[in-house]
């Protein structure tokens, strides 16, 4: 037996069925639970990505890993250093001790035989943090180890070896005194002690002067372990991930001997003629 629905009832049933099969406009526009989780994670990560900026002009203490001397250095030679004191930004260590700095010898000049001192120019090129994060720059040296015998021109970044005029005069004097002693003994044996001493002194002084003229002045040296200070020439920017040092690179031991003794300390007397 078939039942006949009234037209009004049939229309109501069809309308209800269509409403159930079509999602509401608000539900269609809402993100799915998976999309919701993605958006939440992205927003959380964006909140954690904090920037840390080491400003221009920051001074970074460094220690020499290799030695540089005007005797052997040439333009373009590499210089290797490491940081010895932490640099902080907003209470966070951004550049820890043991970070590596690479530099370049841009110019070198050996000391002259008569005058002129040894000279070095060094430029700092890059910084590598213990986790491998690297930043490039063009920085200069702002100070030099106070125990080093070399001097630094901060405006030009020039490292100049010490002079040794006093040592030259001492060499000539010692050679002259030695010559006078030998000449006096020889003159005494010949019956002319005073004349022999004068001749011997002149000969000794001449030998000492020749020795000074034939030798170069003190070389400019930055020995392994020498501490210097680098001043940054631009802002160095890092984020939270950049300063995560939980997996540092292997670190070399740098127990250097410190600055080399000065020429004045090392210089020995010329042999007595």
Protein backbone atom coordinates (compact mmCIF):
# COMPACT_ATOMS: atom_id res chain seq x y z
CA UNK A 1 0.00 0.00 0.00
CA UNK A 2 1.34 3.37 -0.90
CA UNK A 3 0.92 6.53 1.18
CA UNK A 4 0.65 9.81 -0.44
CA UNK A 5 2.37 12.76 1.22
CA UNK A 6 0.83 16.09 1.12
CA UNK A 7 2.74 18.55 -1.05
CA UNK A 8 3.60 20.75 1.92
CA UNK A 9 5.09 17.86 3.87
CA UNK A 10 7.14 16.72 0.86
CA UNK A 11 8.66 20.16 0.45
CA UNK A 12 9.63 20.31 4.14
CA UNK A 13 11.32 16.91 3.99
CA UNK A 14 13.36 17.85 0.91
CA UNK A 15 14.45 21.14 2.46
CA UNK A 16 15.61 19.41 5.66
CA UNK A 17 17.60 16.83 3.67
CA UNK A 18 19.41 19.55 1.65
CA UNK A 19 20.28 21.47 4.83
CA UNK A 20 21.91 18.41 6.41
CA UNK A 21 24.02 17.60 3.31
CA UNK A 22 25.39 21.17 2.88
CA UNK A 23 27.97 22.32 5.54
CA UNK A 24 27.45 25.74 7.01
CA UNK A 25 29.48 28.56 5.55
CA UNK A 26 31.23 29.17 8.88
CA UNK A 27 32.32 25.52 9.14
CA UNK A 28 33.62 25.50 5.54
CA UNK A 29 35.84 28.52 6.14
CA UNK A 30 37.40 27.27 9.40
CA UNK A 31 40.79 25.48 9.31
CA UNK A 32 40.99 21.79 9.98
CA UNK A 33 42.54 20.55 13.27
CA UNK A 34 45.82 19.75 11.42
CA UNK A 35 45.93 23.24 9.91
CA UNK A 36 45.21 24.66 13.33
CA UNK A 37 48.24 22.89 14.79
CA UNK A 38 50.47 24.18 11.93
CA UNK A 39 49.41 27.78 12.46
CA UNK A 40 49.95 27.49 16.22
CA UNK A 41 53.47 26.03 15.76
CA UNK A 42 54.41 28.70 13.22
CA UNK A 43 53.27 31.47 15.52
CA UNK A 44 55.19 29.96 18.44
CA UNK A 45 58.39 29.68 16.40
CA UNK A 46 58.02 33.26 15.22
CA UNK A 47 57.77 34.36 18.83
CA UNK A 48 61.00 32.52 19.73
CA UNK A 49 63.13 33.87 16.83
CA UNK A 50 64.73 36.70 18.76
CA UNK A 51 67.44 38.80 17.15
CA UNK A 52 70.75 39.55 18.92
CA UNK A 53 72.88 42.33 17.40
CA UNK A 54 76.53 42.99 18.28
CA UNK A 55 76.81 46.71 17.47
CA UNK A 56 79.44 48.39 15.32
CA UNK A 57 82.50 49.38 17.32
CA UNK A 58 82.37 46.41 19.72
CA UNK A 59 85.85 45.46 20.94
CA UNK A 60 86.60 41.74 20.93
CA UNK A 61 89.75 40.43 22.73
CA UNK A 62 91.66 37.83 20.70
CA UNK A 63 94.68 35.58 21.11
CA UNK A 64 97.05 34.65 18.28
CA UNK A 65 96.97 30.98 17.23
CA UNK A 66 99.84 31.24 14.73
CA UNK A 67 102.86 33.56 14.72
CA UNK A 68 103.49 36.33 12.20
CA UNK A 69 106.85 38.03 11.56
CA UNK A 70 108.07 40.52 8.97
CA UNK A 71 110.96 38.13 8.38
CA UNK A 72 108.75 35.49 6.79
CA UNK A 73 105.29 37.04 6.23
CA UNK A 74 104.06 38.08 2.79
CA UNK A 75 101.04 40.01 1.57
CA UNK A 76 97.99 37.75 1.61
CA UNK A 77 99.22 35.41 4.35
CA UNK A 78 96.48 34.22 6.70
CA UNK A 79 96.30 35.04 10.41
CA UNK A 80 94.37 32.84 12.84
CA UNK A 81 93.09 33.92 16.24
CA UNK A 82 90.47 32.97 18.84
CA UNK A 83 88.32 34.98 21.22
CA UNK A 84 89.33 34.96 24.89
CA UNK A 85 86.39 36.78 26.53
CA UNK A 86 82.61 36.41 26.03
CA UNK A 87 80.59 39.09 24.22
CA UNK A 88 77.05 39.43 25.58
CA UNK A 89 73.85 40.94 24.15
CA UNK A 90 70.77 41.29 26.38
CA UNK A 91 72.28 38.92 28.92
CA UNK A 92 72.98 36.19 26.34
CA UNK A 93 76.46 35.03 25.31
CA UNK A 94 76.58 35.72 21.58
CA UNK A 95 80.32 35.34 20.94
CA UNK A 96 81.77 32.85 23.46
CA UNK A 97 85.46 32.33 24.23
CA UNK A 98 87.02 29.92 21.75
CA UNK A 99 85.31 31.40 18.69
CA UNK A 100 87.65 31.59 15.71
CA UNK A 101 88.67 34.75 13.85
CA UNK A 102 90.52 34.66 10.51
CA UNK A 103 92.52 37.58 9.19
CA UNK A 104 94.89 38.56 6.38
CA UNK A 105 98.28 40.23 6.21
CA UNK A 106 97.57 43.10 3.83
CA UNK A 107 101.08 44.57 3.77
CA UNK A 108 104.49 43.84 5.27
CA UNK A 109 107.80 45.69 5.37
CA UNK A 110 111.09 44.40 6.71
CA UNK A 111 113.33 46.66 8.82
CA UNK A 112 116.15 48.44 7.00
CA UNK A 113 119.87 47.83 7.50
CA UNK A 114 120.58 51.41 8.48
CA UNK A 115 117.18 52.78 9.45
CA UNK A 116 113.50 51.88 9.39
CA UNK A 117 111.50 49.46 11.48
CA UNK A 118 109.64 46.29 10.57
CA UNK A 119 105.96 46.96 9.79
CA UNK A 120 102.84 44.78 9.50
CA UNK A 121 99.27 45.57 8.46
CA UNK A 122 96.58 43.04 9.43
CA UNK A 123 92.86 42.95 8.57
CA UNK A 124 90.27 40.71 10.26
CA UNK A 125 87.87 39.01 7.83
CA UNK A 126 85.52 36.53 9.53
CA UNK A 127 84.21 35.13 12.79
CA UNK A 128 83.23 31.47 13.31
CA UNK A 129 81.29 30.55 16.45
CA UNK A 130 81.92 27.19 18.19
CA UNK A 131 78.79 25.74 16.51
CA UNK A 132 80.01 26.65 13.01
CA UNK A 133 77.91 29.80 12.47
CA UNK A 134 80.02 32.31 10.49
CA UNK A 135 79.87 36.06 9.88
CA UNK A 136 82.05 38.07 7.48
CA UNK A 137 83.31 41.60 8.05
CA UNK A 138 86.38 43.82 7.57
CA UNK A 139 87.60 44.72 11.05
CA UNK A 140 90.81 46.28 12.29
CA UNK A 141 93.06 45.98 15.32
CA UNK A 142 92.36 48.47 18.10
CA UNK A 143 94.97 47.52 20.70
CA UNK A 144 98.02 45.31 21.19
CA UNK A 145 99.37 43.26 24.08
CA UNK A 146 100.95 45.61 26.60
CA UNK A 147 103.92 43.28 27.09
CA UNK A 148 104.76 43.18 23.38
CA UNK A 149 107.70 45.27 22.21
CA UNK A 150 105.85 46.30 19.01
CA UNK A 151 103.70 49.43 18.76
CA UNK A 152 100.31 49.91 17.07
CA UNK A 153 99.04 52.82 15.01
CA UNK A 154 95.30 52.53 15.74
CA UNK A 155 94.24 54.81 12.90
CA UNK A 156 96.07 52.83 10.22
CA UNK A 157 96.17 49.39 11.86
CA UNK A 158 99.96 49.41 11.48
CA UNK A 159 102.11 47.24 13.75
CA UNK A 160 105.67 48.55 13.98
CA UNK A 161 108.71 46.76 15.40
CA UNK A 162 110.88 48.39 18.03
CA UNK A 163 113.96 50.44 17.24
CA UNK A 164 117.37 49.57 18.65
CA UNK A 165 119.55 52.68 18.57
CA UNK A 166 120.72 52.10 22.13
CA UNK A 167 121.68 48.53 21.24
CA UNK A 168 123.60 49.74 18.18
CA UNK A 169 125.56 52.24 20.27
CA UNK A 170 126.24 49.58 22.87
CA UNK A 171 127.55 47.22 20.19
CA UNK A 172 129.90 49.86 18.80
CA UNK A 173 131.06 50.81 22.31
CA UNK A 174 131.70 47.23 23.38
CA UNK A 175 133.59 46.48 20.19
CA UNK A 176 135.68 49.63 20.67
CA UNK A 177 136.46 48.77 24.29
CA UNK A 178 137.45 45.25 23.34
CA UNK A 179 139.68 46.56 20.58
CA UNK A 180 141.33 49.02 22.97
CA UNK A 181 142.12 46.23 25.42
CA UNK A 182 143.70 44.03 22.79
CA UNK A 183 145.49 46.99 21.22
CA UNK A 184 146.84 48.05 24.60
CA UNK A 185 148.25 44.60 25.31
CA UNK A 186 149.83 44.43 21.90
CA UNK A 187 151.23 47.95 22.23
CA UNK A 188 152.64 47.22 25.68
CA UNK A 189 154.50 44.25 24.32
CA UNK A 190 156.00 46.54 21.66
CA UNK A 191 156.70 49.36 24.10
CA UNK A 192 153.83 51.62 22.91
CA UNK A 193 150.88 50.78 25.16
CA UNK A 194 148.97 54.06 24.62
CA UNK A 195 149.32 54.03 20.87
CA UNK A 196 148.29 50.39 20.69
CA UNK A 197 145.20 51.08 22.79
CA UNK A 198 144.12 53.94 20.53
CA UNK A 199 144.60 51.95 17.38
CA UNK A 200 142.82 48.97 18.87
CA UNK A 201 139.87 51.11 20.01
CA UNK A 202 139.48 52.63 16.55
CA UNK A 203 139.66 49.26 14.89
CA UNK A 204 137.14 47.78 17.32
CA UNK A 205 134.70 50.65 16.86
CA UNK A 206 134.98 50.33 13.09
CA UNK A 207 134.25 46.60 13.29
CA UNK A 208 131.26 47.25 15.53
CA UNK A 209 129.91 49.91 13.17
CA UNK A 210 130.23 47.57 10.20
CA UNK A 211 128.37 44.89 12.12
CA UNK A 212 125.51 47.30 12.84
CA UNK A 213 125.32 48.48 9.23
CA UNK A 214 125.27 44.96 7.86
CA UNK A 215 122.50 43.74 10.17
CA UNK A 216 118.79 44.55 9.95
CA UNK A 217 116.86 46.15 12.75
CA UNK A 218 114.40 44.20 14.92
CA UNK A 219 111.64 42.39 13.02
CA UNK A 220 108.00 43.14 13.86
CA UNK A 221 106.60 39.96 15.42
CA UNK A 222 103.18 38.85 16.67
CA UNK A 223 103.97 35.61 18.50
CA UNK A 224 101.53 32.82 19.21
CA UNK A 225 99.62 33.66 22.38
CA UNK A 226 99.90 37.42 21.92
CA UNK A 227 96.63 39.14 22.82
CA UNK A 228 95.18 41.81 20.55
CA UNK A 229 91.83 43.58 20.35
CA UNK A 230 89.56 43.68 17.30
CA UNK A 231 86.96 46.42 16.77
CA UNK A 232 83.96 45.49 14.60
CA UNK A 233 83.16 47.63 11.55
CA UNK A 234 79.49 46.62 11.16
CA UNK A 235 76.62 45.12 13.19
CA UNK A 236 76.79 41.34 13.59
CA UNK A 237 73.28 39.84 13.70
CA UNK A 238 72.37 36.47 15.22
CA UNK A 239 69.11 34.71 16.11
CA UNK A 240 68.30 32.19 18.81
CA UNK A 241 69.37 29.21 16.71
CA UNK A 242 72.69 30.88 15.82
CA UNK A 243 73.75 31.09 19.47
CA UNK A 244 72.80 27.52 20.41
CA UNK A 245 76.16 26.10 21.52
CA UNK A 246 75.05 22.68 22.69
CA UNK A 247 76.99 20.96 19.87
CA UNK A 248 80.28 22.85 19.54
CA UNK A 249 83.03 22.00 17.08
CA UNK A 250 86.24 20.32 18.35
CA UNK A 251 88.53 22.97 19.79
CA UNK A 252 92.32 23.15 19.46
CA UNK A 253 94.46 23.84 22.50
CA UNK A 254 96.23 27.20 22.23
CA UNK A 255 98.72 27.42 25.07
CA UNK A 256 101.06 29.79 23.32
CA UNK A 257 104.24 31.20 24.84
CA UNK A 258 103.05 34.80 24.62
CA UNK A 259 104.89 37.71 22.99
CA UNK A 260 108.42 37.03 21.81
CA UNK A 261 111.22 38.71 23.80
CA UNK A 262 112.30 42.03 22.33
CA UNK A 263 115.44 42.45 20.25
CA UNK A 264 116.97 44.32 23.17
CA UNK A 265 116.49 41.32 25.43
CA UNK A 266 117.68 38.78 22.87
CA UNK A 267 120.64 40.68 21.43
CA UNK A 268 124.07 39.37 22.34
CA UNK A 269 127.31 41.32 22.17
CA UNK A 270 129.36 41.29 19.00
CA UNK A 271 132.54 39.21 19.32
CA UNK A 272 135.53 41.19 20.43
CA UNK A 273 137.88 41.61 17.49
